[in-house]
Structure formats: structure tokens, C-alpha cells
Amino acid sequence: MHPIKPFVTLDQLESLDIRVGTIRSLQTSDEEPALLLLLIDFLEFQQSVFLDWKETRFEYEEIIGKQALVALNVPGLVVGSSGRILELGSLDQLMPVLVCPEHPIPDGSRLT
């Protein structure tokens, strides 16, 4: 079993801007061929976010139209990009899956 990571302060946790958005499209990145480039709708804006599922999940197209939680104010997978999709499984050598709400909620809703 993996040990629990060191505690963070509530201020550090609250400083993360985590919102739900709907994945509108995905394509192979011209900049990084091993990565997918997703367009995510947060209602008031859209943001492109890179995802490294191309080698670990073969039917990744099935996530189009699904909601996901995204940390917006963190560095992205590519230098100069921002935002990370929250996922489960990758660190434990499992097929990655999205962290998502249990039922649809408005895009742009924030984690509290």
C-alpha cells in the first residue's frame, strides 16, 4: 500500500481552482504526438488541456461529452500550458479514468 502524502494546509487546498467542465473535442497534438489535446467547456470560457492517455487507454474517444474535474491553475503537461484533468488509475498502473461528478452539474461549478 502506498503511504499517504504529507499534509497540505487548508489554504493550499483552497488555492487550487478546480472546476467541472464538459469535454467537447479531442485531437492528437501537433506539438506533442504522444498527447491528446482536449477542448473543455466551462460555460463562461473554454480551455485546451493536454492528456497523456494515448498509450494507456485505447478507446479514449468515449470521454467526449463527459464532464470532468480540472485543476485550472496548475502547470499543464506541456511547457507553457496550464490545467490538469483529474484522473484515477495511472499511478497504480490501471487504465486511467476521469474524476467526474456523480450526475451532471453546470459547467464551471467549482470544487469547495
C-alpha atoms as a PDB file:
ATOM      1  CA  MET A   1       0.000   0.000   0.000  1.00  0.00           C
ATOM      2  CA  HIS A   2       1.215   3.477  -0.816  1.00  0.00           C
ATOM      3  CA  PRO A   3       1.731   5.790   2.164  1.00  0.00           C
ATOM      4  CA  ILE A   4      -0.374   8.934   2.488  1.00  0.00           C
ATOM      5  CA  LYS A   5       1.374  12.008   1.135  1.00  0.00           C
ATOM      6  CA  PRO A   6       2.353  14.801   3.558  1.00  0.00           C
ATOM      7  CA  PHE A   7      -0.486  17.031   4.748  1.00  0.00           C
ATOM      8  CA  VAL A   8      -1.154  20.319   2.995  1.00  0.00           C
ATOM      9  CA  THR A   9      -2.737  23.315   4.642  1.00  0.00           C
ATOM     10  CA  LEU A  10      -6.356  24.230   4.002  1.00  0.00           C
ATOM     11  CA  ASP A  11      -5.083  27.450   2.404  1.00  0.00           C
ATOM     12  CA  GLN A  12      -3.041  25.388  -0.068  1.00  0.00           C
ATOM     13  CA  LEU A  13      -6.035  23.191  -0.893  1.00  0.00           C
ATOM     14  CA  GLU A  14      -8.345  26.186  -1.276  1.00  0.00           C
ATOM     15  CA  SER A  15      -5.832  27.886  -3.590  1.00  0.00           C
ATOM     16  CA  LEU A  16      -6.486  25.224  -6.254  1.00  0.00           C
ATOM     17  CA  ASP A  17      -9.059  26.306  -8.844  1.00  0.00           C
ATOM     18  CA  ILE A  18     -10.803  23.008  -9.576  1.00  0.00           C
ATOM     19  CA  ARG A  19     -13.913  23.173 -11.764  1.00  0.00           C
ATOM     20  CA  VAL A  20     -16.149  20.820 -13.673  1.00  0.00           C
ATOM     21  CA  GLY A  21     -16.197  21.133 -17.437  1.00  0.00           C
ATOM     22  CA  THR A  22     -17.529  19.166 -20.391  1.00  0.00           C
ATOM     23  CA  ILE A  23     -15.052  17.666 -22.843  1.00  0.00           C
ATOM     24  CA  ARG A  24     -16.191  18.983 -26.246  1.00  0.00           C
ATOM     25  CA  SER A  25     -13.468  17.582 -28.510  1.00  0.00           C
ATOM     26  CA  LEU A  26     -10.139  15.826 -28.558  1.00  0.00           C
ATOM     27  CA  GLN A  27      -7.398  15.525 -31.100  1.00  0.00           C
ATOM     28  CA  THR A  28      -3.829  14.384 -31.369  1.00  0.00           C
ATOM     29  CA  SER A  29      -1.492  17.207 -30.504  1.00  0.00           C
ATOM     30  CA  ASP A  30       0.749  18.530 -33.277  1.00  0.00           C
ATOM     31  CA  GLU A  31       3.171  19.782 -30.597  1.00  0.00           C
ATOM     32  CA  GLU A  32       3.267  16.507 -28.654  1.00  0.00           C
ATOM     33  CA  PRO A  33       2.207  13.452 -30.719  1.00  0.00           C
ATOM     34  CA  ALA A  34       2.050  11.212 -27.610  1.00  0.00           C
ATOM     35  CA  LEU A  35      -0.545  13.503 -26.007  1.00  0.00           C
ATOM     36  CA  LEU A  36      -4.188  14.261 -26.632  1.00  0.00           C
ATOM     37  CA  LEU A  37      -5.409  17.845 -26.763  1.00  0.00           C
ATOM     38  CA  LEU A  38      -8.875  18.284 -25.256  1.00  0.00           C
ATOM     39  CA  LEU A  39     -11.154  21.295 -25.572  1.00  0.00           C
ATOM     40  CA  ILE A  40     -13.114  21.667 -22.326  1.00  0.00           C
ATOM     41  CA  ASP A  41     -16.165  23.909 -21.868  1.00  0.00           C
ATOM     42  CA  PHE A  42     -16.504  25.704 -18.510  1.00  0.00           C
ATOM     43  CA  LEU A  43     -19.638  27.654 -19.587  1.00  0.00           C
ATOM     44  CA  GLU A  44     -18.077  31.139 -19.419  1.00  0.00           C
ATOM     45  CA  PHE A  45     -14.889  30.059 -21.224  1.00  0.00           C
ATOM     46  CA  GLN A  46     -13.224  27.114 -22.927  1.00  0.00           C
ATOM     47  CA  GLN A  47      -9.716  25.840 -22.292  1.00  0.00           C
ATOM     48  CA  SER A  48      -7.466  23.367 -24.059  1.00  0.00           C
ATOM     49  CA  VAL A  49      -5.812  20.814 -21.778  1.00  0.00           C
ATOM     50  CA  PHE A  50      -3.314  18.084 -22.622  1.00  0.00           C
ATOM     51  CA  LEU A  51      -3.904  14.489 -21.503  1.00  0.00           C
ATOM     52  CA  ASP A  52      -1.419  11.606 -21.673  1.00  0.00           C
ATOM     53  CA  TRP A  53      -3.846   8.731 -22.311  1.00  0.00           C
ATOM     54  CA  LYS A  54      -2.839   7.962 -25.868  1.00  0.00           C
ATOM     55  CA  GLU A  55      -0.661   4.998 -24.831  1.00  0.00           C
ATOM     56  CA  THR A  56      -2.683   3.779 -21.833  1.00  0.00           C
ATOM     57  CA  ARG A  57      -6.320   3.972 -22.894  1.00  0.00           C
ATOM     58  CA  PHE A  58      -7.194   2.920 -26.401  1.00  0.00           C
ATOM     59  CA  GLU A  59     -10.846   3.978 -26.543  1.00  0.00           C
ATOM     60  CA  TYR A  60     -10.237   7.492 -25.314  1.00  0.00           C
ATOM     61  CA  GLU A  61     -12.814   8.975 -27.731  1.00  0.00           C
ATOM     62  CA  GLU A  62     -15.568   7.801 -25.369  1.00  0.00           C
ATOM     63  CA  ILE A  63     -14.802  10.696 -22.998  1.00  0.00           C
ATOM     64  CA  ILE A  64     -16.125  13.294 -25.478  1.00  0.00           C
ATOM     65  CA  GLY A  65     -19.279  14.801 -23.986  1.00  0.00           C
ATOM     66  CA  LYS A  66     -18.438  13.714 -20.444  1.00  0.00           C
ATOM     67  CA  GLN A  67     -17.852  16.050 -17.539  1.00  0.00           C
ATOM     68  CA  ALA A  68     -14.510  16.029 -15.726  1.00  0.00           C
ATOM     69  CA  LEU A  69     -12.833  17.852 -12.877  1.00  0.00           C
ATOM     70  CA  VAL A  70      -9.931  20.045 -13.972  1.00  0.00           C
ATOM     71  CA  ALA A  71      -7.341  21.875 -11.870  1.00  0.00           C
ATOM     72  CA  LEU A  72      -7.057  25.094 -13.875  1.00  0.00           C
ATOM     73  CA  ASN A  73      -4.322  26.987 -12.038  1.00  0.00           C
ATOM     74  CA  VAL A  74      -1.512  24.418 -12.227  1.00  0.00           C
ATOM     75  CA  PRO A  75       1.121  23.828 -14.918  1.00  0.00           C
ATOM     76  CA  GLY A  76      -0.022  21.656 -17.811  1.00  0.00           C
ATOM     77  CA  LEU A  77       1.756  18.653 -19.293  1.00  0.00           C
ATOM     78  CA  VAL A  78       3.400  20.833 -21.950  1.00  0.00           C
ATOM     79  CA  VAL A  79       5.634  23.790 -21.113  1.00  0.00           C
ATOM     80  CA  GLY A  80       3.617  26.991 -21.374  1.00  0.00           C
ATOM     81  CA  SER A  81       0.247  25.250 -20.958  1.00  0.00           C
ATOM     82  CA  SER A  82      -1.932  25.191 -17.869  1.00  0.00           C
ATOM     83  CA  GLY A  83      -4.529  22.876 -16.400  1.00  0.00           C
ATOM     84  CA  ARG A  84      -4.648  19.213 -15.470  1.00  0.00           C
ATOM     85  CA  ILE A  85      -7.573  16.840 -15.770  1.00  0.00           C
ATOM     86  CA  LEU A  86      -8.043  14.911 -12.532  1.00  0.00           C
ATOM     87  CA  GLU A  87      -7.810  11.180 -13.123  1.00  0.00           C
ATOM     88  CA  LEU A  88      -7.543   7.925 -11.233  1.00  0.00           C
ATOM     89  CA  GLY A  89      -5.570   4.803 -12.058  1.00  0.00           C
ATOM     90  CA  SER A  90      -2.425   5.988 -13.825  1.00  0.00           C
ATOM     91  CA  LEU A  91      -0.134   5.917 -10.776  1.00  0.00           C
ATOM     92  CA  ASP A  92      -1.312   2.413  -9.918  1.00  0.00           C
ATOM     93  CA  GLN A  93      -0.747   1.068 -13.460  1.00  0.00           C
ATOM     94  CA  LEU A  94      -4.502   0.842 -14.100  1.00  0.00           C
ATOM     95  CA  MET A  95      -6.420   2.106 -17.092  1.00  0.00           C
ATOM     96  CA  PRO A  96      -6.950   5.796 -16.324  1.00  0.00           C
ATOM     97  CA  VAL A  97     -10.471   7.082 -15.657  1.00  0.00           C
ATOM     98  CA  LEU A  98     -11.856  10.585 -15.225  1.00  0.00           C
ATOM     99  CA  VAL A  99     -12.709  12.082 -11.864  1.00  0.00           C
ATOM    100  CA  CYS A 100     -16.222  13.334 -12.513  1.00  0.00           C
ATOM    101  CA  PRO A 101     -19.448  14.355 -10.752  1.00  0.00           C
ATOM    102  CA  GLU A 102     -21.915  11.590  -9.923  1.00  0.00           C
ATOM    103  CA  HIS A 103     -24.567  13.371 -12.000  1.00  0.00           C
ATOM    104  CA  PRO A 104     -24.434  16.323 -14.416  1.00  0.00           C
ATOM    105  CA  ILE A 105     -23.973  19.760 -12.851  1.00  0.00           C
ATOM    106  CA  PRO A 106     -23.453  23.149 -14.511  1.00  0.00           C
ATOM    107  CA  ASP A 107     -20.116  23.537 -16.286  1.00  0.00           C
ATOM    108  CA  GLY A 108     -17.840  25.894 -14.391  1.00  0.00           C
ATOM    109  CA  SER A 109     -19.029  24.701 -10.960  1.00  0.00           C
ATOM    110  CA  ARG A 110     -16.138  24.894  -8.503  1.00  0.00           C
ATOM    111  CA  LEU A 111     -14.821  22.360  -6.024  1.00  0.00           C
ATOM    112  CA  THR A 112     -15.426  23.510  -2.458  1.00  0.00           C
END
